[in-house]
Amino acid sequence: MTDNWGAVISAASALGGVGFTGLFGVLKGRQERLAQQMSARDERRSAHRLERREAYIRLMAAMKRVQAAGHTCRLAVPPSSEPWPEIWKNYFETLEALDREAEYVRLEGPPEVSDAARDLNTAAVRSYRALEAAAEAHPGATQSLASLLDDEQRSRHGEEVTELRDFIAKARRALGGEDPGFTQG
């Protein structure tokens, strides 16, 4: 009879071992699936972060072109008649490109960056309109447009610069730029 109990205990031990092995196998498989899901989720987040970053970079590049076109117009003398010189057409086209890039940023978000992109675009348009109004007020003047701007018109350019800084700060935060270990590359 003791031999039978020994066989029963051995069989129970073997079955218990198989059960534990199966349980650990199931748990390990579950853990591996979760790790794969997390890896896929991390990859999607990384891809989305990269898409956002690219949209932000394109907006800033478009803004640099707007600023360069505005600078060219500020240094020029106001046009004396229609049609206006090519530099004004170029300035307007850079504003249109900025508006398109701001739309992409508004799609990518997050809301605070979308708002900053909208505000930047608005400030750039206001700056353009201020220069245009000054040029229309002084047709054929011999001085550069910058010297003919009144204080309010000059302040529009300052708003443009301020909104660009605000956009950059919010974009940096959205990309994790305030996180420990963040490196710019």
C-alpha atoms as a PDB file:
ATOM      1  CA  MET A   1       0.000   0.000   0.000  1.00  0.00           C
ATOM      2  CA  THR A   2       2.863   2.359   0.715  1.00  0.00           C
ATOM      3  CA  ASP A   3       4.089   1.722  -2.782  1.00  0.00           C
ATOM      4  CA  ASN A   4       0.734   2.844  -4.119  1.00  0.00           C
ATOM      5  CA  TRP A   5       0.866   6.050  -2.081  1.00  0.00           C
ATOM      6  CA  GLY A   6       4.341   6.694  -3.387  1.00  0.00           C
ATOM      7  CA  ALA A   7       3.067   6.269  -6.957  1.00  0.00           C
ATOM      8  CA  VAL A   8       0.100   8.576  -6.270  1.00  0.00           C
ATOM      9  CA  ILE A   9       2.364  11.225  -4.740  1.00  0.00           C
ATOM     10  CA  SER A  10       4.778  10.927  -7.673  1.00  0.00           C
ATOM     11  CA  ALA A  11       1.937  11.219 -10.180  1.00  0.00           C
ATOM     12  CA  ALA A  12       0.445  14.195  -8.319  1.00  0.00           C
ATOM     13  CA  SER A  13       3.852  15.873  -8.226  1.00  0.00           C
ATOM     14  CA  ALA A  14       4.333  15.293 -11.941  1.00  0.00           C
ATOM     15  CA  LEU A  15       0.868  16.630 -12.732  1.00  0.00           C
ATOM     16  CA  GLY A  16       1.439  19.613 -10.454  1.00  0.00           C
ATOM     17  CA  GLY A  17       4.736  20.317 -12.183  1.00  0.00           C
ATOM     18  CA  VAL A  18       3.098  20.107 -15.593  1.00  0.00           C
ATOM     19  CA  GLY A  19       0.319  22.395 -14.347  1.00  0.00           C
ATOM     20  CA  PHE A  20       2.763  24.940 -12.995  1.00  0.00           C
ATOM     21  CA  THR A  21       4.814  24.804 -16.187  1.00  0.00           C
ATOM     22  CA  GLY A  22       1.656  25.335 -18.255  1.00  0.00           C
ATOM     23  CA  LEU A  23       0.554  28.184 -16.009  1.00  0.00           C
ATOM     24  CA  PHE A  24       3.928  29.872 -16.280  1.00  0.00           C
ATOM     25  CA  GLY A  25       3.881  29.310 -20.057  1.00  0.00           C
ATOM     26  CA  VAL A  26       0.483  30.985 -20.323  1.00  0.00           C
ATOM     27  CA  LEU A  27       1.605  33.877 -18.118  1.00  0.00           C
ATOM     28  CA  LYS A  28       4.813  34.284 -20.124  1.00  0.00           C
ATOM     29  CA  GLY A  29       2.863  34.271 -23.409  1.00  0.00           C
ATOM     30  CA  ARG A  30       0.480  36.868 -22.039  1.00  0.00           C
ATOM     31  CA  GLN A  31       3.397  39.016 -20.884  1.00  0.00           C
ATOM     32  CA  GLU A  32       5.022  38.742 -24.315  1.00  0.00           C
ATOM     33  CA  ARG A  33       1.765  39.782 -26.046  1.00  0.00           C
ATOM     34  CA  LEU A  34       1.442  42.773 -23.713  1.00  0.00           C
ATOM     35  CA  ALA A  35       5.064  43.725 -24.416  1.00  0.00           C
ATOM     36  CA  GLN A  36       4.409  43.511 -28.166  1.00  0.00           C
ATOM     37  CA  GLN A  37       1.288  45.649 -27.804  1.00  0.00           C
ATOM     38  CA  MET A  38       3.197  48.196 -25.749  1.00  0.00           C
ATOM     39  CA  SER A  39       6.006  48.162 -28.300  1.00  0.00           C
ATOM     40  CA  ALA A  40       3.518  48.774 -31.122  1.00  0.00           C
ATOM     41  CA  ARG A  41       1.882  51.559 -29.083  1.00  0.00           C
ATOM     42  CA  ASP A  42       5.295  53.126 -28.416  1.00  0.00           C
ATOM     43  CA  GLU A  43       6.107  52.936 -32.127  1.00  0.00           C
ATOM     44  CA  ARG A  44       2.817  54.697 -32.986  1.00  0.00           C
ATOM     45  CA  ARG A  45       3.530  57.383 -30.389  1.00  0.00           C
ATOM     46  CA  SER A  46       7.028  57.837 -31.730  1.00  0.00           C
ATOM     47  CA  ALA A  47       5.744  58.095 -35.307  1.00  0.00           C
ATOM     48  CA  HIS A  48       3.101  60.623 -34.253  1.00  0.00           C
ATOM     49  CA  ARG A  49       5.693  62.651 -32.350  1.00  0.00           C
ATOM     50  CA  LEU A  50       7.881  62.659 -35.465  1.00  0.00           C
ATOM     51  CA  GLU A  51       4.924  63.791 -37.625  1.00  0.00           C
ATOM     52  CA  ARG A  52       4.207  66.605 -35.177  1.00  0.00           C
ATOM     53  CA  ARG A  53       7.846  67.618 -35.114  1.00  0.00           C
ATOM     54  CA  GLU A  54       7.972  67.750 -38.915  1.00  0.00           C
ATOM     55  CA  ALA A  55       4.793  69.871 -39.043  1.00  0.00           C
ATOM     56  CA  TYR A  56       6.264  72.251 -36.454  1.00  0.00           C
ATOM     57  CA  ILE A  57       9.542  72.509 -38.367  1.00  0.00           C
ATOM     58  CA  ARG A  58       7.738  73.241 -41.641  1.00  0.00           C
ATOM     59  CA  LEU A  59       5.726  75.987 -39.933  1.00  0.00           C
ATOM     60  CA  MET A  60       8.867  77.582 -38.505  1.00  0.00           C
ATOM     61  CA  ALA A  61      10.588  77.390 -41.907  1.00  0.00           C
ATOM     62  CA  ALA A  62       7.556  79.051 -43.522  1.00  0.00           C
ATOM     63  CA  MET A  63       7.669  81.742 -40.835  1.00  0.00           C
ATOM     64  CA  LYS A  64      11.363  82.373 -41.562  1.00  0.00           C
ATOM     65  CA  ARG A  65      10.438  82.955 -45.215  1.00  0.00           C
ATOM     66  CA  VAL A  66       7.653  85.352 -44.155  1.00  0.00           C
ATOM     67  CA  GLN A  67      10.084  87.258 -41.956  1.00  0.00           C
ATOM     68  CA  ALA A  68      12.637  87.487 -44.762  1.00  0.00           C
ATOM     69  CA  ALA A  69      10.000  88.729 -47.221  1.00  0.00           C
ATOM     70  CA  GLY A  70       8.748  91.278 -44.682  1.00  0.00           C
ATOM     71  CA  HIS A  71      12.287  92.477 -44.049  1.00  0.00           C
ATOM     72  CA  THR A  72      12.822  92.961 -47.789  1.00  0.00           C
ATOM     73  CA  CYS A  73       9.630  95.031 -48.043  1.00  0.00           C
ATOM     74  CA  ARG A  74      10.514  97.115 -44.967  1.00  0.00           C
ATOM     75  CA  LEU A  75      13.878  98.027 -46.528  1.00  0.00           C
ATOM     76  CA  ALA A  76      12.338  98.925 -49.886  1.00  0.00           C
ATOM     77  CA  VAL A  77      10.792 102.272 -50.777  1.00  0.00           C
ATOM     78  CA  PRO A  78       7.009 102.251 -51.069  1.00  0.00           C
ATOM     79  CA  PRO A  79       5.784 101.557 -54.601  1.00  0.00           C
ATOM     80  CA  SER A  80       4.605 104.617 -56.499  1.00  0.00           C
ATOM     81  CA  SER A  81       1.889 102.910 -58.548  1.00  0.00           C
ATOM     82  CA  GLU A  82       0.148  99.672 -59.401  1.00  0.00           C
ATOM     83  CA  PRO A  83       1.167  96.934 -59.993  1.00  0.00           C
ATOM     84  CA  TRP A  84       3.334  96.636 -56.941  1.00  0.00           C
ATOM     85  CA  PRO A  85       6.825  95.207 -57.266  1.00  0.00           C
ATOM     86  CA  GLU A  86       7.443  91.474 -57.195  1.00  0.00           C
ATOM     87  CA  ILE A  87       8.712  91.632 -53.590  1.00  0.00           C
ATOM     88  CA  TRP A  88       5.158  92.328 -52.400  1.00  0.00           C
ATOM     89  CA  LYS A  89       3.773  89.400 -54.386  1.00  0.00           C
ATOM     90  CA  ASN A  90       6.479  87.204 -52.859  1.00  0.00           C
ATOM     91  CA  TYR A  91       5.592  88.442 -49.362  1.00  0.00           C
ATOM     92  CA  PHE A  92       1.921  87.570 -49.905  1.00  0.00           C
ATOM     93  CA  GLU A  93       2.814  84.116 -51.265  1.00  0.00           C
ATOM     94  CA  THR A  94       4.946  83.387 -48.199  1.00  0.00           C
ATOM     95  CA  LEU A  95       1.947  84.287 -46.035  1.00  0.00           C
ATOM     96  CA  GLU A  96      -0.200  81.829 -47.958  1.00  0.00           C
ATOM     97  CA  ALA A  97       2.419  79.107 -47.420  1.00  0.00           C
ATOM     98  CA  LEU A  98       2.526  79.963 -43.705  1.00  0.00           C
ATOM     99  CA  ASP A  99      -1.262  79.630 -43.518  1.00  0.00           C
ATOM    100  CA  ARG A 100      -1.094  76.146 -45.099  1.00  0.00           C
ATOM    101  CA  GLU A 101       1.597  75.022 -42.654  1.00  0.00           C
ATOM    102  CA  ALA A 102      -0.365  76.453 -39.724  1.00  0.00           C
ATOM    103  CA  GLU A 103      -3.334  74.323 -40.829  1.00  0.00           C
ATOM    104  CA  TYR A 104      -1.173  71.185 -40.659  1.00  0.00           C
ATOM    105  CA  VAL A 105      -0.032  72.122 -37.174  1.00  0.00           C
ATOM    106  CA  ARG A 106      -3.636  72.677 -36.130  1.00  0.00           C
ATOM    107  CA  LEU A 107      -4.392  69.125 -37.289  1.00  0.00           C
ATOM    108  CA  GLU A 108      -1.442  67.641 -35.404  1.00  0.00           C
ATOM    109  CA  GLY A 109      -2.121  69.533 -32.175  1.00  0.00           C
ATOM    110  CA  PRO A 110      -2.135  69.490 -29.239  1.00  0.00           C
ATOM    111  CA  PRO A 111      -4.582  72.363 -28.615  1.00  0.00           C
ATOM    112  CA  GLU A 112      -2.058  74.774 -27.060  1.00  0.00           C
ATOM    113  CA  VAL A 113       0.284  74.368 -30.053  1.00  0.00           C
ATOM    114  CA  SER A 114      -2.648  74.665 -32.467  1.00  0.00           C
ATOM    115  CA  ASP A 115      -3.645  77.921 -30.791  1.00  0.00           C
ATOM    116  CA  ALA A 116      -0.054  79.190 -30.925  1.00  0.00           C
ATOM    117  CA  ALA A 117       0.124  78.371 -34.662  1.00  0.00           C
ATOM    118  CA  ARG A 118      -3.116  80.272 -35.265  1.00  0.00           C
ATOM    119  CA  ASP A 119      -1.854  83.252 -33.255  1.00  0.00           C
ATOM    120  CA  LEU A 120       1.451  83.233 -35.138  1.00  0.00           C
ATOM    121  CA  ASN A 121      -0.335  83.177 -38.478  1.00  0.00           C
ATOM    122  CA  THR A 122      -2.629  86.018 -37.389  1.00  0.00           C
ATOM    123  CA  ALA A 123       0.327  88.112 -36.200  1.00  0.00           C
ATOM    124  CA  ALA A 124       2.125  87.584 -39.520  1.00  0.00           C
ATOM    125  CA  VAL A 125      -0.944  88.706 -41.483  1.00  0.00           C
ATOM    126  CA  ARG A 126      -1.338  91.783 -39.255  1.00  0.00           C
ATOM    127  CA  SER A 127       2.314  92.664 -39.818  1.00  0.00           C
ATOM    128  CA  TYR A 128       1.823  92.370 -43.573  1.00  0.00           C
ATOM    129  CA  ARG A 129      -1.289  94.544 -43.453  1.00  0.00           C
ATOM    130  CA  ALA A 130       0.542  97.180 -41.405  1.00  0.00           C
ATOM    131  CA  LEU A 131       3.322  97.343 -44.012  1.00  0.00           C
ATOM    132  CA  GLU A 132       0.806  97.416 -46.829  1.00  0.00           C
ATOM    133  CA  ALA A 133      -1.106 100.280 -45.153  1.00  0.00           C
ATOM    134  CA  ALA A 134       2.121 102.238 -44.679  1.00  0.00           C
ATOM    135  CA  ALA A 135       3.099 101.698 -48.323  1.00  0.00           C
ATOM    136  CA  GLU A 136      -0.338 102.838 -49.498  1.00  0.00           C
ATOM    137  CA  ALA A 137      -0.130 105.919 -47.249  1.00  0.00           C
ATOM    138  CA  HIS A 138       3.244 106.979 -48.708  1.00  0.00           C
ATOM    139  CA  PRO A 139       3.249 106.138 -52.439  1.00  0.00           C
ATOM    140  CA  GLY A 140       6.462 107.083 -54.193  1.00  0.00           C
ATOM    141  CA  ALA A 141       8.293 108.143 -51.023  1.00  0.00           C
ATOM    142  CA  THR A 142      12.076 108.137 -51.296  1.00  0.00           C
ATOM    143  CA  GLN A 143      12.680 106.702 -47.829  1.00  0.00           C
ATOM    144  CA  SER A 144      12.568 103.046 -46.876  1.00  0.00           C
ATOM    145  CA  LEU A 145       9.224 101.815 -45.672  1.00  0.00           C
ATOM    146  CA  ALA A 146      10.702 101.023 -42.240  1.00  0.00           C
ATOM    147  CA  SER A 147      11.395 104.708 -41.633  1.00  0.00           C
ATOM    148  CA  LEU A 148       7.774 105.587 -42.505  1.00  0.00           C
ATOM    149  CA  LEU A 149       6.084 103.204 -40.092  1.00  0.00           C
ATOM    150  CA  ASP A 150       4.212 104.625 -37.139  1.00  0.00           C
ATOM    151  CA  ASP A 151       4.465 103.070 -33.666  1.00  0.00           C
ATOM    152  CA  GLU A 152       1.420 100.846 -34.116  1.00  0.00           C
ATOM    153  CA  GLN A 153       2.696  99.525 -37.433  1.00  0.00           C
ATOM    154  CA  ARG A 154       6.103  98.806 -35.878  1.00  0.00           C
ATOM    155  CA  SER A 155       4.452  96.996 -32.981  1.00  0.00           C
ATOM    156  CA  ARG A 156       2.878  94.529 -35.431  1.00  0.00           C
ATOM    157  CA  HIS A 157       6.336  93.238 -36.283  1.00  0.00           C
ATOM    158  CA  GLY A 158       7.078  92.871 -32.564  1.00  0.00           C
ATOM    159  CA  GLU A 159       3.889  90.829 -32.120  1.00  0.00           C
ATOM    160  CA  GLU A 160       5.032  88.535 -34.913  1.00  0.00           C
ATOM    161  CA  VAL A 161       8.349  87.903 -33.132  1.00  0.00           C
ATOM    162  CA  THR A 162       6.621  87.341 -29.781  1.00  0.00           C
ATOM    163  CA  GLU A 163       4.141  84.862 -31.264  1.00  0.00           C
ATOM    164  CA  LEU A 164       6.975  82.928 -32.924  1.00  0.00           C
ATOM    165  CA  ARG A 165       8.761  82.591 -29.570  1.00  0.00           C
ATOM    166  CA  ASP A 166       5.504  81.482 -27.955  1.00  0.00           C
ATOM    167  CA  PHE A 167       4.933  78.892 -30.674  1.00  0.00           C
ATOM    168  CA  ILE A 168       8.451  77.508 -30.296  1.00  0.00           C
ATOM    169  CA  ALA A 169       8.078  77.202 -26.508  1.00  0.00           C
ATOM    170  CA  LYS A 170       4.726  75.407 -26.780  1.00  0.00           C
ATOM    171  CA  ALA A 171       5.934  73.123 -29.566  1.00  0.00           C
ATOM    172  CA  ARG A 172       8.998  72.211 -27.525  1.00  0.00           C
ATOM    173  CA  ARG A 173       6.833  71.301 -24.521  1.00  0.00           C
ATOM    174  CA  ALA A 174       4.486  69.260 -26.726  1.00  0.00           C
ATOM    175  CA  LEU A 175       7.430  67.271 -28.053  1.00  0.00           C
ATOM    176  CA  GLY A 176       8.704  66.559 -24.549  1.00  0.00           C
ATOM    177  CA  GLY A 177      11.364  69.248 -24.495  1.00  0.00           C
ATOM    178  CA  GLU A 178      10.787  69.937 -20.830  1.00  0.00           C
ATOM    179  CA  ASP A 179      11.209  66.289 -19.861  1.00  0.00           C
ATOM    180  CA  PRO A 180      14.410  65.160 -18.086  1.00  0.00           C
ATOM    181  CA  GLY A 181      16.924  63.762 -20.520  1.00  0.00           C
ATOM    182  CA  PHE A 182      15.486  65.570 -23.530  1.00  0.00           C
ATOM    183  CA  THR A 183      18.181  66.381 -26.040  1.00  0.00           C
ATOM    184  CA  GLN A 184      17.934  68.600 -29.029  1.00  0.00           C
ATOM    185  CA  GLY A 185      19.273  67.145 -32.183  1.00  0.00           C
END
